Amino acid sequence: MSYLLNVIKQANDNGNFIFSGKSDKSQSFFNGVFSYKINSDNFNHQNFADSYNAADNNFRELPDFPKFKVNHVSLNQNYFLKYWADIAETPHSLYNITDLSFPFFISNLTDTLANKHMERNNFIWFPKDKEPSCVKQF
């Protein structure tokens, strides 16, 4: 998972650079990592959570970190992570959604770019309810 740690750390660094250049710092933006290949046969949820959290260490003290941190991760076709900024205790949810990680990643990107929640047409944008597939919260 050290490779993943480095990728997320770099994405956080890029997010910080982009965010620091914005004039309007009131809104968060989509910072996602999209991966086609991981070995999902021996994927360890805790190792992933530890790597993800370790990648945040250099940025935690920055006041705007929640607005630019990596907030979406698609790993292979099965694993999807979403950072829920409005949930204080366990804001990260990791889902094992067989063959749907890519569609959820793209749907969340579309939702962010639209700058409004697509709740009214939720069934069009999100392939299914992912909550029953949550395997870890941290």
N, C-alpha and C. Protein backbone atom coordinates (compact mmCIF):
# COMPACT_ATOMS: atom_id res chain seq x y z
N MET A 1 0.81 -1.20 0.00
CA MET A 1 0.00 0.00 0.00
C MET A 1 0.85 1.26 0.00
N SER A 2 2.18 1.11 0.05
CA SER A 2 3.01 2.32 0.06
C SER A 2 2.86 3.12 -1.24
N TYR A 3 2.62 2.41 -2.35
CA TYR A 3 2.39 3.12 -3.62
C TYR A 3 1.13 3.97 -3.51
N LEU A 4 0.06 3.38 -2.97
CA LEU A 4 -1.19 4.11 -2.79
C LEU A 4 -0.98 5.31 -1.88
N LEU A 5 -0.24 5.14 -0.81
CA LEU A 5 0.05 6.24 0.11
C LEU A 5 0.71 7.39 -0.64
N ASN A 6 1.70 7.07 -1.49
CA ASN A 6 2.40 8.12 -2.24
C ASN A 6 1.48 8.82 -3.25
N VAL A 7 0.59 8.06 -3.89
CA VAL A 7 -0.33 8.64 -4.86
C VAL A 7 -1.31 9.59 -4.16
N ILE A 8 -1.86 9.17 -3.03
CA ILE A 8 -2.81 10.01 -2.31
C ILE A 8 -2.11 11.24 -1.73
N LYS A 9 -0.90 11.05 -1.24
CA LYS A 9 -0.13 12.18 -0.72
C LYS A 9 0.11 13.21 -1.83
N GLN A 10 0.49 12.74 -3.02
CA GLN A 10 0.72 13.64 -4.14
C GLN A 10 -0.57 14.35 -4.55
N ALA A 11 -1.68 13.61 -4.58
CA ALA A 11 -2.98 14.22 -4.92
C ALA A 11 -3.38 15.27 -3.88
N ASN A 12 -3.10 15.02 -2.60
CA ASN A 12 -3.36 16.02 -1.56
C ASN A 12 -2.48 17.25 -1.77
N ASP A 13 -1.23 17.03 -2.13
CA ASP A 13 -0.31 18.14 -2.39
C ASP A 13 -0.80 18.96 -3.58
N ASN A 14 -1.22 18.28 -4.65
CA ASN A 14 -1.78 18.98 -5.81
C ASN A 14 -3.04 19.75 -5.44
N GLY A 15 -3.90 19.12 -4.62
CA GLY A 15 -5.12 19.79 -4.17
C GLY A 15 -4.81 21.05 -3.38
N ASN A 16 -3.80 20.99 -2.52
CA ASN A 16 -3.39 22.15 -1.73
C ASN A 16 -2.91 23.27 -2.65
N PHE A 17 -2.10 22.91 -3.64
CA PHE A 17 -1.58 23.90 -4.60
C PHE A 17 -2.73 24.58 -5.36
N ILE A 18 -3.65 23.78 -5.87
CA ILE A 18 -4.78 24.33 -6.63
C ILE A 18 -5.67 25.19 -5.73
N PHE A 19 -5.99 24.68 -4.53
CA PHE A 19 -6.87 25.40 -3.63
C PHE A 19 -6.25 26.73 -3.19
N SER A 20 -4.95 26.74 -2.95
CA SER A 20 -4.30 27.97 -2.49
C SER A 20 -4.35 29.07 -3.55
N GLY A 21 -4.50 28.69 -4.82
CA GLY A 21 -4.59 29.68 -5.89
C GLY A 21 -6.00 30.15 -6.18
N LYS A 22 -7.00 29.55 -5.53
CA LYS A 22 -8.39 29.96 -5.77
C LYS A 22 -8.68 31.27 -5.06
N SER A 23 -9.45 32.11 -5.69
CA SER A 23 -9.86 33.34 -5.01
C SER A 23 -11.05 33.08 -4.08
N ASP A 24 -11.96 32.19 -4.51
CA ASP A 24 -13.12 31.84 -3.68
C ASP A 24 -12.83 30.53 -2.96
N LYS A 25 -12.53 30.62 -1.69
CA LYS A 25 -12.17 29.43 -0.91
C LYS A 25 -13.34 28.89 -0.09
N SER A 26 -14.55 29.29 -0.45
CA SER A 26 -15.71 28.86 0.32
C SER A 26 -16.16 27.45 -0.04
N GLN A 27 -15.83 26.97 -1.23
CA GLN A 27 -16.30 25.65 -1.65
C GLN A 27 -15.17 24.64 -1.76
N SER A 28 -15.50 23.41 -1.43
CA SER A 28 -14.59 22.29 -1.64
C SER A 28 -14.57 21.95 -3.12
N PHE A 29 -13.61 21.13 -3.52
CA PHE A 29 -13.64 20.64 -4.89
C PHE A 29 -13.37 19.15 -4.93
N PHE A 30 -13.63 18.56 -6.04
CA PHE A 30 -13.46 17.12 -6.24
C PHE A 30 -11.98 16.83 -6.40
N ASN A 31 -11.44 16.01 -5.52
CA ASN A 31 -10.05 15.56 -5.62
C ASN A 31 -10.10 14.04 -5.56
N GLY A 32 -9.98 13.41 -6.70
CA GLY A 32 -10.15 11.96 -6.75
C GLY A 32 -8.96 11.23 -7.30
N VAL A 33 -8.85 9.97 -6.87
CA VAL A 33 -7.84 9.04 -7.36
C VAL A 33 -8.58 7.89 -8.01
N PHE A 34 -8.21 7.60 -9.23
CA PHE A 34 -8.88 6.58 -10.03
C PHE A 34 -7.84 5.53 -10.42
N SER A 35 -8.08 4.28 -10.04
CA SER A 35 -7.11 3.22 -10.31
C SER A 35 -7.80 2.06 -11.01
N TYR A 36 -7.19 1.59 -12.08
CA TYR A 36 -7.75 0.45 -12.79
C TYR A 36 -7.35 -0.89 -12.18
N LYS A 37 -6.16 -0.95 -11.59
CA LYS A 37 -5.67 -2.25 -11.15
C LYS A 37 -5.24 -2.24 -9.70
N ILE A 38 -5.82 -3.11 -8.94
CA ILE A 38 -5.31 -3.51 -7.63
C ILE A 38 -5.65 -4.99 -7.52
N ASN A 39 -4.95 -5.67 -6.68
CA ASN A 39 -5.25 -7.08 -6.46
C ASN A 39 -6.35 -7.15 -5.41
N SER A 40 -7.58 -7.29 -5.84
CA SER A 40 -8.70 -7.27 -4.91
C SER A 40 -8.90 -8.59 -4.18
N ASP A 41 -8.16 -9.64 -4.57
CA ASP A 41 -8.28 -10.92 -3.87
C ASP A 41 -7.76 -10.85 -2.44
N ASN A 42 -6.68 -10.09 -2.25
CA ASN A 42 -6.14 -9.96 -0.90
C ASN A 42 -6.13 -8.50 -0.43
N PHE A 43 -7.12 -7.75 -0.87
CA PHE A 43 -7.26 -6.34 -0.47
C PHE A 43 -7.61 -6.28 1.00
N ASN A 44 -6.83 -5.53 1.75
CA ASN A 44 -7.03 -5.41 3.19
C ASN A 44 -7.60 -4.03 3.51
N HIS A 45 -8.82 -4.02 4.03
CA HIS A 45 -9.52 -2.76 4.32
C HIS A 45 -8.74 -1.90 5.30
N GLN A 46 -8.20 -2.52 6.34
CA GLN A 46 -7.49 -1.76 7.36
C GLN A 46 -6.19 -1.17 6.81
N ASN A 47 -5.46 -1.93 6.00
CA ASN A 47 -4.23 -1.41 5.39
C ASN A 47 -4.54 -0.21 4.49
N PHE A 48 -5.65 -0.31 3.75
CA PHE A 48 -6.05 0.81 2.91
C PHE A 48 -6.35 2.04 3.78
N ALA A 49 -7.13 1.85 4.84
CA ALA A 49 -7.48 2.98 5.72
C ALA A 49 -6.23 3.59 6.35
N ASP A 50 -5.29 2.74 6.76
CA ASP A 50 -4.05 3.24 7.35
C ASP A 50 -3.23 4.06 6.34
N SER A 51 -3.14 3.56 5.10
CA SER A 51 -2.40 4.28 4.06
C SER A 51 -3.07 5.61 3.73
N TYR A 52 -4.39 5.58 3.60
CA TYR A 52 -5.14 6.80 3.30
C TYR A 52 -4.92 7.84 4.41
N ASN A 53 -5.05 7.42 5.65
CA ASN A 53 -4.86 8.34 6.78
C ASN A 53 -3.43 8.85 6.86
N ALA A 54 -2.45 7.99 6.60
CA ALA A 54 -1.05 8.40 6.64
C ALA A 54 -0.76 9.45 5.57
N ALA A 55 -1.42 9.35 4.43
CA ALA A 55 -1.23 10.32 3.35
C ALA A 55 -1.75 11.70 3.74
N ASP A 56 -2.63 11.76 4.72
CA ASP A 56 -3.19 13.03 5.19
C ASP A 56 -2.31 13.73 6.21
N ASN A 57 -1.34 13.04 6.79
CA ASN A 57 -0.58 13.55 7.93
C ASN A 57 0.06 14.92 7.70
N ASN A 58 0.62 15.16 6.54
CA ASN A 58 1.31 16.44 6.29
C ASN A 58 0.37 17.62 6.11
N PHE A 59 -0.92 17.35 6.03
CA PHE A 59 -1.88 18.40 5.68
C PHE A 59 -2.92 18.68 6.77
N ARG A 60 -3.02 17.81 7.75
CA ARG A 60 -4.10 17.89 8.75
C ARG A 60 -4.20 19.24 9.44
N GLU A 61 -3.08 19.90 9.66
CA GLU A 61 -3.09 21.16 10.40
C GLU A 61 -3.53 22.35 9.54
N LEU A 62 -3.61 22.16 8.24
CA LEU A 62 -4.03 23.26 7.37
C LEU A 62 -5.54 23.47 7.51
N PRO A 63 -5.99 24.68 7.76
CA PRO A 63 -7.41 24.91 8.05
C PRO A 63 -8.35 24.52 6.92
N ASP A 64 -7.90 24.61 5.68
CA ASP A 64 -8.77 24.29 4.55
C ASP A 64 -8.59 22.86 4.04
N PHE A 65 -7.85 22.04 4.76
CA PHE A 65 -7.58 20.69 4.29
C PHE A 65 -8.83 19.90 3.90
N PRO A 66 -9.90 19.94 4.68
CA PRO A 66 -11.10 19.19 4.26
C PRO A 66 -11.67 19.64 2.91
N LYS A 67 -11.33 20.83 2.48
CA LYS A 67 -11.87 21.33 1.21
C LYS A 67 -11.06 20.90 -0.01
N PHE A 68 -9.81 20.43 0.20
CA PHE A 68 -9.00 20.03 -0.95
C PHE A 68 -8.45 18.61 -0.86
N LYS A 69 -8.72 17.92 0.21
CA LYS A 69 -8.17 16.57 0.38
C LYS A 69 -8.76 15.59 -0.63
N VAL A 70 -8.09 14.47 -0.82
CA VAL A 70 -8.63 13.41 -1.67
C VAL A 70 -9.94 12.96 -1.04
N ASN A 71 -11.03 13.14 -1.79
CA ASN A 71 -12.35 12.84 -1.23
C ASN A 71 -13.07 11.71 -1.97
N HIS A 72 -12.48 11.20 -3.03
CA HIS A 72 -13.06 10.07 -3.76
C HIS A 72 -11.93 9.19 -4.28
N VAL A 73 -12.05 7.89 -4.08
CA VAL A 73 -11.06 6.95 -4.58
C VAL A 73 -11.79 5.77 -5.21
N SER A 74 -11.41 5.46 -6.43
CA SER A 74 -11.92 4.28 -7.11
C SER A 74 -10.76 3.31 -7.27
N LEU A 75 -10.87 2.14 -6.65
CA LEU A 75 -9.82 1.12 -6.74
C LEU A 75 -10.38 -0.09 -7.46
N ASN A 76 -9.85 -0.34 -8.64
CA ASN A 76 -10.35 -1.44 -9.44
C ASN A 76 -11.84 -1.22 -9.69
N GLN A 77 -12.53 -2.20 -10.12
CA GLN A 77 -13.96 -2.04 -10.39
C GLN A 77 -14.82 -2.27 -9.15
N ASN A 78 -14.20 -2.66 -8.03
CA ASN A 78 -15.00 -3.08 -6.88
C ASN A 78 -14.98 -2.16 -5.67
N TYR A 79 -13.92 -1.41 -5.45
CA TYR A 79 -13.80 -0.63 -4.22
C TYR A 79 -13.92 0.86 -4.51
N PHE A 80 -14.71 1.52 -3.69
CA PHE A 80 -14.95 2.95 -3.83
C PHE A 80 -14.93 3.60 -2.46
N LEU A 81 -14.17 4.68 -2.32
CA LEU A 81 -14.12 5.43 -1.06
C LEU A 81 -14.70 6.81 -1.29
N LYS A 82 -15.50 7.23 -0.33
CA LYS A 82 -16.05 8.59 -0.36
C LYS A 82 -15.81 9.24 1.00
N TYR A 83 -15.34 10.47 0.95
CA TYR A 83 -15.16 11.30 2.15
C TYR A 83 -16.41 12.16 2.29
N TRP A 84 -17.10 11.98 3.42
CA TRP A 84 -18.32 12.74 3.71
C TRP A 84 -17.94 13.86 4.67
N ALA A 85 -17.78 15.07 4.16
CA ALA A 85 -17.30 16.20 4.97
C ALA A 85 -18.23 16.54 6.13
N ASP A 86 -19.50 16.21 6.02
CA ASP A 86 -20.46 16.58 7.06
C ASP A 86 -20.60 15.52 8.16
N ILE A 87 -19.81 14.46 8.13
CA ILE A 87 -19.85 13.43 9.17
C ILE A 87 -18.56 13.54 9.97
N ALA A 88 -18.65 13.94 11.22
CA ALA A 88 -17.47 14.24 12.01
C ALA A 88 -16.69 13.00 12.47
N GLU A 89 -17.36 12.02 13.04
CA GLU A 89 -16.64 10.90 13.66
C GLU A 89 -15.99 9.95 12.66
N THR A 90 -16.73 9.50 11.69
CA THR A 90 -16.21 8.57 10.67
C THR A 90 -16.58 9.08 9.28
N PRO A 91 -15.82 10.07 8.80
CA PRO A 91 -16.21 10.71 7.54
C PRO A 91 -15.87 9.91 6.27
N HIS A 92 -15.09 8.84 6.42
CA HIS A 92 -14.69 8.06 5.25
C HIS A 92 -15.46 6.75 5.20
N SER A 93 -16.03 6.46 4.05
CA SER A 93 -16.74 5.19 3.86
C SER A 93 -16.11 4.46 2.69
N LEU A 94 -15.74 3.20 2.93
CA LEU A 94 -15.18 2.35 1.89
C LEU A 94 -16.23 1.31 1.53
N TYR A 95 -16.53 1.23 0.26
CA TYR A 95 -17.58 0.34 -0.23
C TYR A 95 -16.98 -0.75 -1.13
N ASN A 96 -17.49 -1.95 -1.00
CA ASN A 96 -17.18 -3.03 -1.93
C ASN A 96 -18.42 -3.20 -2.80
N ILE A 97 -18.43 -2.52 -3.93
CA ILE A 97 -19.59 -2.50 -4.81
C ILE A 97 -19.19 -3.14 -6.14
N THR A 98 -19.37 -4.42 -6.22
CA THR A 98 -18.91 -5.22 -7.34
C THR A 98 -19.25 -4.59 -8.69
N ASP A 99 -18.20 -4.35 -9.45
CA ASP A 99 -18.29 -3.80 -10.81
C ASP A 99 -18.88 -2.39 -10.90
N LEU A 100 -19.01 -1.67 -9.79
CA LEU A 100 -19.66 -0.35 -9.83
C LEU A 100 -18.78 0.80 -9.31
N SER A 101 -17.54 0.53 -9.00
CA SER A 101 -16.68 1.59 -8.49
C SER A 101 -16.51 2.71 -9.51
N PHE A 102 -16.26 2.36 -10.77
CA PHE A 102 -16.08 3.39 -11.80
C PHE A 102 -17.33 4.24 -11.99
N PRO A 103 -18.53 3.61 -12.12
CA PRO A 103 -19.73 4.45 -12.27
C PRO A 103 -19.98 5.37 -11.08
N PHE A 104 -19.70 4.91 -9.84
CA PHE A 104 -19.90 5.78 -8.69
C PHE A 104 -18.90 6.93 -8.69
N PHE A 105 -17.66 6.66 -9.09
CA PHE A 105 -16.66 7.71 -9.17
C PHE A 105 -17.11 8.79 -10.16
N ILE A 106 -17.52 8.38 -11.36
CA ILE A 106 -17.95 9.32 -12.39
C ILE A 106 -19.23 10.05 -11.96
N SER A 107 -20.16 9.34 -11.33
CA SER A 107 -21.40 9.97 -10.87
C SER A 107 -21.13 11.04 -9.81
N ASN A 108 -20.21 10.75 -8.90
CA ASN A 108 -19.87 11.74 -7.87
C ASN A 108 -19.13 12.93 -8.48
N LEU A 109 -18.30 12.68 -9.48
CA LEU A 109 -17.65 13.78 -10.18
C LEU A 109 -18.68 14.67 -10.87
N THR A 110 -19.64 14.05 -11.54
CA THR A 110 -20.71 14.78 -12.21
C THR A 110 -21.53 15.59 -11.21
N ASP A 111 -21.83 14.98 -10.07
CA ASP A 111 -22.58 15.65 -9.02
C ASP A 111 -21.83 16.90 -8.54
N THR A 112 -20.52 16.77 -8.37
CA THR A 112 -19.70 17.91 -7.92
C THR A 112 -19.65 19.00 -8.98
N LEU A 113 -19.44 18.60 -10.22
CA LEU A 113 -19.36 19.60 -11.30
C LEU A 113 -20.67 20.33 -11.52
N ALA A 114 -21.79 19.64 -11.27
CA ALA A 114 -23.10 20.28 -11.43
C ALA A 114 -23.33 21.31 -10.33
N ASN A 115 -22.54 21.24 -9.25
CA ASN A 115 -22.60 22.19 -8.14
C ASN A 115 -23.95 22.18 -7.44
N LYS A 116 -24.65 21.07 -7.53
CA LYS A 116 -25.88 20.88 -6.78
C LYS A 116 -26.11 19.38 -6.68
N HIS A 117 -26.80 18.98 -5.66
CA HIS A 117 -27.05 17.56 -5.47
C HIS A 117 -28.12 17.08 -6.45
N MET A 118 -27.89 15.96 -7.04
CA MET A 118 -28.81 15.43 -8.06
C MET A 118 -29.83 14.47 -7.46
N GLU A 119 -30.28 14.80 -6.27
CA GLU A 119 -31.18 13.92 -5.54
C GLU A 119 -32.48 13.62 -6.30
N ARG A 120 -33.00 14.59 -6.99
CA ARG A 120 -34.26 14.39 -7.69
C ARG A 120 -34.18 13.29 -8.74
N ASN A 121 -33.04 13.20 -9.42
CA ASN A 121 -32.83 12.18 -10.43
C ASN A 121 -31.75 11.18 -10.01
N ASN A 122 -31.71 10.91 -8.76
CA ASN A 122 -30.69 10.04 -8.18
C ASN A 122 -30.58 8.70 -8.92
N PHE A 123 -31.69 8.13 -9.30
CA PHE A 123 -31.70 6.82 -9.95
C PHE A 123 -30.98 6.84 -11.30
N ILE A 124 -30.88 8.00 -11.93
CA ILE A 124 -30.19 8.11 -13.22
C ILE A 124 -28.68 8.14 -13.00
N TRP A 125 -28.23 8.87 -11.99
CA TRP A 125 -26.80 9.13 -11.82
C TRP A 125 -26.08 8.06 -11.02
N PHE A 126 -26.75 7.44 -10.09
CA PHE A 126 -26.10 6.47 -9.22
C PHE A 126 -26.73 5.10 -9.45
N PRO A 127 -25.92 4.10 -9.83
CA PRO A 127 -26.44 2.81 -10.27
C PRO A 127 -27.24 2.03 -9.23
N LYS A 128 -26.93 2.21 -7.96
CA LYS A 128 -27.67 1.53 -6.89
C LYS A 128 -27.34 2.18 -5.57
N ASP A 129 -28.04 1.78 -4.53
CA ASP A 129 -27.74 2.27 -3.19
C ASP A 129 -26.50 1.54 -2.70
N LYS A 130 -25.42 2.28 -2.47
CA LYS A 130 -24.16 1.65 -2.07
C LYS A 130 -24.05 1.40 -0.57
N GLU A 131 -24.91 2.01 0.23
CA GLU A 131 -24.76 1.93 1.68
C GLU A 131 -24.74 0.49 2.23
N PRO A 132 -25.54 -0.44 1.73
CA PRO A 132 -25.44 -1.81 2.24
C PRO A 132 -24.10 -2.48 1.94
N SER A 133 -23.32 -1.88 1.02
CA SER A 133 -22.03 -2.45 0.62
C SER A 133 -20.86 -1.83 1.35
N CYS A 134 -21.12 -1.00 2.35
CA CYS A 134 -20.05 -0.36 3.11
C CYS A 134 -19.32 -1.41 3.93
N VAL A 135 -18.00 -1.51 3.74
CA VAL A 135 -17.19 -2.51 4.45
C VAL A 135 -16.33 -1.91 5.55
N LYS A 136 -16.15 -0.58 5.53
CA LYS A 136 -15.33 0.06 6.56
C LYS A 136 -15.65 1.54 6.61
N GLN A 137 -15.72 2.06 7.83
CA GLN A 137 -15.83 3.51 8.05
C GLN A 137 -14.70 3.91 8.98
N PHE A 138 -14.09 5.02 8.67
CA PHE A 138 -12.97 5.50 9.51
C PHE A 138 -12.87 7.00 9.44
